[in-house]
Amino acid sequence: MGITGENNHPGAGVVHFKIVGKNQRGEPVFEGERKVMIKKKRSRR
């Protein structure tokens, strides 16, 4: 859903996920959202 920089942690960013679980018929049975802080990769420059 989105990615943002984290001012307090310059080596990390926040990733916003939306999760949808479906049953065998393809009907949604669960929906949720989660934000996770992930360490950024170094650039290869």
PDB file of N, CA and C in Angstrom:
ATOM      1  N   MET A   1       0.818  -1.181   0.000  1.00  0.00           N
ATOM      2  CA  MET A   1       0.000   0.000   0.000  1.00  0.00           C
ATOM      3  C   MET A   1       0.868   1.253   0.000  1.00  0.00           C
ATOM      4  N   GLY A   2       2.075   1.155   0.569  1.00  0.00           N
ATOM      5  CA  GLY A   2       2.911   2.335   0.551  1.00  0.00           C
ATOM      6  C   GLY A   2       4.221   2.133   1.267  1.00  0.00           C
ATOM      7  N   ILE A   3       5.163   3.021   0.970  1.00  0.00           N
ATOM      8  CA  ILE A   3       6.470   3.014   1.608  1.00  0.00           C
ATOM      9  C   ILE A   3       6.784   4.444   1.998  1.00  0.00           C
ATOM     10  N   THR A   4       7.262   4.649   3.227  1.00  0.00           N
ATOM     11  CA  THR A   4       7.649   5.981   3.666  1.00  0.00           C
ATOM     12  C   THR A   4       9.009   5.917   4.343  1.00  0.00           C
ATOM     13  N   GLY A   5       9.731   7.027   4.301  1.00  0.00           N
ATOM     14  CA  GLY A   5      10.985   7.123   5.024  1.00  0.00           C
ATOM     15  C   GLY A   5      10.705   7.360   6.495  1.00  0.00           C
ATOM     16  N   GLU A   6      11.639   6.996   7.315  1.00  0.00           N
ATOM     17  CA  GLU A   6      11.484   7.167   8.761  1.00  0.00           C
ATOM     18  C   GLU A   6      12.500   8.192   9.225  1.00  0.00           C
ATOM     19  N   ASN A   7      12.038   9.349   9.705  1.00  0.00           N
ATOM     20  CA  ASN A   7      12.938  10.426  10.114  1.00  0.00           C
ATOM     21  C   ASN A   7      13.805  10.041  11.305  1.00  0.00           C
ATOM     22  N   ASN A   8      13.279   9.284  12.242  1.00  0.00           N
ATOM     23  CA  ASN A   8      14.032   8.903  13.430  1.00  0.00           C
ATOM     24  C   ASN A   8      15.069   7.827  13.151  1.00  0.00           C
ATOM     25  N   HIS A   9      14.903   7.092  12.049  1.00  0.00           N
ATOM     26  CA  HIS A   9      15.807   6.002  11.688  1.00  0.00           C
ATOM     27  C   HIS A   9      16.185   6.154  10.210  1.00  0.00           C
ATOM     28  N   PRO A  10      17.232   6.914   9.898  1.00  0.00           N
ATOM     29  CA  PRO A  10      17.554   7.184   8.497  1.00  0.00           C
ATOM     30  C   PRO A  10      17.946   5.932   7.700  1.00  0.00           C
ATOM     31  N   GLY A  11      18.346   4.848   8.355  1.00  0.00           N
ATOM     32  CA  GLY A  11      18.703   3.625   7.655  1.00  0.00           C
ATOM     33  C   GLY A  11      17.546   2.665   7.495  1.00  0.00           C
ATOM     34  N   ALA A  12      16.313   3.142   7.749  1.00  0.00           N
ATOM     35  CA  ALA A  12      15.144   2.254   7.677  1.00  0.00           C
ATOM     36  C   ALA A  12      13.964   2.992   7.062  1.00  0.00           C
ATOM     37  N   GLY A  13      12.992   2.225   6.608  1.00  0.00           N
ATOM     38  CA  GLY A  13      11.756   2.777   6.059  1.00  0.00           C
ATOM     39  C   GLY A  13      10.575   1.959   6.550  1.00  0.00           C
ATOM     40  N   VAL A  14       9.387   2.522   6.437  1.00  0.00           N
ATOM     41  CA  VAL A  14       8.168   1.846   6.873  1.00  0.00           C
ATOM     42  C   VAL A  14       7.406   1.383   5.636  1.00  0.00           C
ATOM     43  N   VAL A  15       7.044   0.092   5.619  1.00  0.00           N
ATOM     44  CA  VAL A  15       6.263  -0.491   4.529  1.00  0.00           C
ATOM     45  C   VAL A  15       4.881  -0.806   5.065  1.00  0.00           C
ATOM     46  N   HIS A  16       3.841  -0.396   4.330  1.00  0.00           N
ATOM     47  CA  HIS A  16       2.450  -0.586   4.737  1.00  0.00           C
ATOM     48  C   HIS A  16       1.841  -1.667   3.840  1.00  0.00           C
ATOM     49  N   PHE A  17       1.469  -2.798   4.439  1.00  0.00           N
ATOM     50  CA  PHE A  17       0.894  -3.933   3.722  1.00  0.00           C
ATOM     51  C   PHE A  17      -0.603  -4.020   3.956  1.00  0.00           C
ATOM     52  N   LYS A  18      -1.337  -4.478   2.948  1.00  0.00           N
ATOM     53  CA  LYS A  18      -2.737  -4.868   3.115  1.00  0.00           C
ATOM     54  C   LYS A  18      -2.817  -6.357   2.820  1.00  0.00           C
ATOM     55  N   ILE A  19      -3.437  -7.111   3.729  1.00  0.00           N
ATOM     56  CA  ILE A  19      -3.500  -8.564   3.625  1.00  0.00           C
ATOM     57  C   ILE A  19      -4.966  -8.975   3.485  1.00  0.00           C
ATOM     58  N   VAL A  20      -5.249  -9.843   2.498  1.00  0.00           N
ATOM     59  CA  VAL A  20      -6.604 -10.363   2.306  1.00  0.00           C
ATOM     60  C   VAL A  20      -6.510 -11.879   2.240  1.00  0.00           C
ATOM     61  N   GLY A  21      -7.204 -12.564   3.149  1.00  0.00           N
ATOM     62  CA  GLY A  21      -7.282 -14.022   3.127  1.00  0.00           C
ATOM     63  C   GLY A  21      -8.587 -14.449   2.472  1.00  0.00           C
ATOM     64  N   LYS A  22      -8.492 -15.439   1.582  1.00  0.00           N
ATOM     65  CA  LYS A  22      -9.685 -15.900   0.858  1.00  0.00           C
ATOM     66  C   LYS A  22      -9.878 -17.397   1.068  1.00  0.00           C
ATOM     67  N   ASN A  23     -11.140 -17.838   1.003  1.00  0.00           N
ATOM     68  CA  ASN A  23     -11.434 -19.266   1.131  1.00  0.00           C
ATOM     69  C   ASN A  23     -11.308 -19.948  -0.235  1.00  0.00           C
ATOM     70  N   GLN A  24     -11.691 -21.215  -0.291  1.00  0.00           N
ATOM     71  CA  GLN A  24     -11.558 -21.998  -1.524  1.00  0.00           C
ATOM     72  C   GLN A  24     -12.393 -21.443  -2.672  1.00  0.00           C
ATOM     73  N   ARG A  25     -13.450 -20.718  -2.358  1.00  0.00           N
ATOM     74  CA  ARG A  25     -14.324 -20.144  -3.394  1.00  0.00           C
ATOM     75  C   ARG A  25     -13.872 -18.750  -3.823  1.00  0.00           C
ATOM     76  N   GLY A  26     -12.755 -18.280  -3.257  1.00  0.00           N
ATOM     77  CA  GLY A  26     -12.247 -16.966  -3.617  1.00  0.00           C
ATOM     78  C   GLY A  26     -12.921 -15.817  -2.877  1.00  0.00           C
ATOM     79  N   GLU A  27     -13.715 -16.142  -1.864  1.00  0.00           N
ATOM     80  CA  GLU A  27     -14.411 -15.113  -1.097  1.00  0.00           C
ATOM     81  C   GLU A  27     -13.510 -14.605   0.030  1.00  0.00           C
ATOM     82  N   PRO A  28     -13.436 -13.296   0.231  1.00  0.00           N
ATOM     83  CA  PRO A  28     -12.598 -12.778   1.322  1.00  0.00           C
ATOM     84  C   PRO A  28     -13.169 -13.167   2.687  1.00  0.00           C
ATOM     85  N   VAL A  29     -12.316 -13.731   3.543  1.00  0.00           N
ATOM     86  CA  VAL A  29     -12.734 -14.111   4.888  1.00  0.00           C
ATOM     87  C   VAL A  29     -11.935 -13.355   5.953  1.00  0.00           C
ATOM     88  N   PHE A  30     -10.884 -12.663   5.541  1.00  0.00           N
ATOM     89  CA  PHE A  30     -10.055 -11.893   6.467  1.00  0.00           C
ATOM     90  C   PHE A  30      -9.427 -10.726   5.727  1.00  0.00           C
ATOM     91  N   GLU A  31      -9.411  -9.559   6.352  1.00  0.00           N
ATOM     92  CA  GLU A  31      -8.699  -8.407   5.818  1.00  0.00           C
ATOM     93  C   GLU A  31      -7.954  -7.740   6.963  1.00  0.00           C
ATOM     94  N   GLY A  32      -6.737  -7.316   6.692  1.00  0.00           N
ATOM     95  CA  GLY A  32      -5.976  -6.641   7.724  1.00  0.00           C
ATOM     96  C   GLY A  32      -4.912  -5.743   7.103  1.00  0.00           C
ATOM     97  N   GLU A  33      -4.375  -4.847   7.907  1.00  0.00           N
ATOM     98  CA  GLU A  33      -3.296  -3.968   7.474  1.00  0.00           C
ATOM     99  C   GLU A  33      -2.197  -4.032   8.508  1.00  0.00           C
ATOM    100  N   ARG A  34      -0.964  -3.838   8.048  1.00  0.00           N
ATOM    101  CA  ARG A  34       0.174  -3.909   8.951  1.00  0.00           C
ATOM    102  C   ARG A  34       1.260  -2.971   8.459  1.00  0.00           C
ATOM    103  N   LYS A  35       1.922  -2.313   9.392  1.00  0.00           N
ATOM    104  CA  LYS A  35       3.066  -1.471   9.079  1.00  0.00           C
ATOM    105  C   LYS A  35       4.302  -2.097   9.701  1.00  0.00           C
ATOM    106  N   VAL A  36       5.381  -2.184   8.909  1.00  0.00           N
ATOM    107  CA  VAL A  36       6.605  -2.828   9.356  1.00  0.00           C
ATOM    108  C   VAL A  36       7.781  -1.920   9.018  1.00  0.00           C
ATOM    109  N   MET A  37       8.714  -1.769   9.970  1.00  0.00           N
ATOM    110  CA  MET A  37       9.931  -1.013   9.695  1.00  0.00           C
ATOM    111  C   MET A  37      10.985  -1.986   9.175  1.00  0.00           C
ATOM    112  N   ILE A  38      11.581  -1.650   8.016  1.00  0.00           N
ATOM    113  CA  ILE A  38      12.549  -2.523   7.369  1.00  0.00           C
ATOM    114  C   ILE A  38      13.828  -1.739   7.106  1.00  0.00           C
ATOM    115  N   LYS A  39      14.955  -2.391   7.368  1.00  0.00           N
ATOM    116  CA  LYS A  39      16.252  -1.777   7.127  1.00  0.00           C
ATOM    117  C   LYS A  39      16.473  -1.603   5.632  1.00  0.00           C
ATOM    118  N   LYS A  40      16.972  -0.433   5.226  1.00  0.00           N
ATOM    119  CA  LYS A  40      17.221  -0.158   3.812  1.00  0.00           C
ATOM    120  C   LYS A  40      18.516  -0.812   3.357  1.00  0.00           C
ATOM    121  N   LYS A  41      18.546  -1.201   2.079  1.00  0.00           N
ATOM    122  CA  LYS A  41      19.768  -1.715   1.478  1.00  0.00           C
ATOM    123  C   LYS A  41      20.725  -0.571   1.171  1.00  0.00           C
ATOM    124  N   ARG A  42      21.992  -0.869   1.181  1.00  0.00           N
ATOM    125  CA  ARG A  42      22.970   0.118   0.736  1.00  0.00           C
ATOM    126  C   ARG A  42      22.906   0.220  -0.774  1.00  0.00           C
ATOM    127  N   SER A  43      23.111   1.434  -1.293  1.00  0.00           N
ATOM    128  CA  SER A  43      23.150   1.555  -2.754  1.00  0.00           C
ATOM    129  C   SER A  43      24.521   1.111  -3.222  1.00  0.00           C
ATOM    130  N   ARG A  44      24.618   0.612  -4.436  1.00  0.00           N
ATOM    131  CA  ARG A  44      25.875   0.076  -4.975  1.00  0.00           C
ATOM    132  C   ARG A  44      26.619   1.100  -5.806  1.00  0.00           C
ATOM    133  N   ARG A  45      26.541   2.350  -5.476  1.00  0.00           N
ATOM    134  CA  ARG A  45      27.226   3.399  -6.245  1.00  0.00           C
ATOM    135  C   ARG A  45      28.584   3.683  -5.718  1.00  0.00           C
TER     136      ARG A  45
END
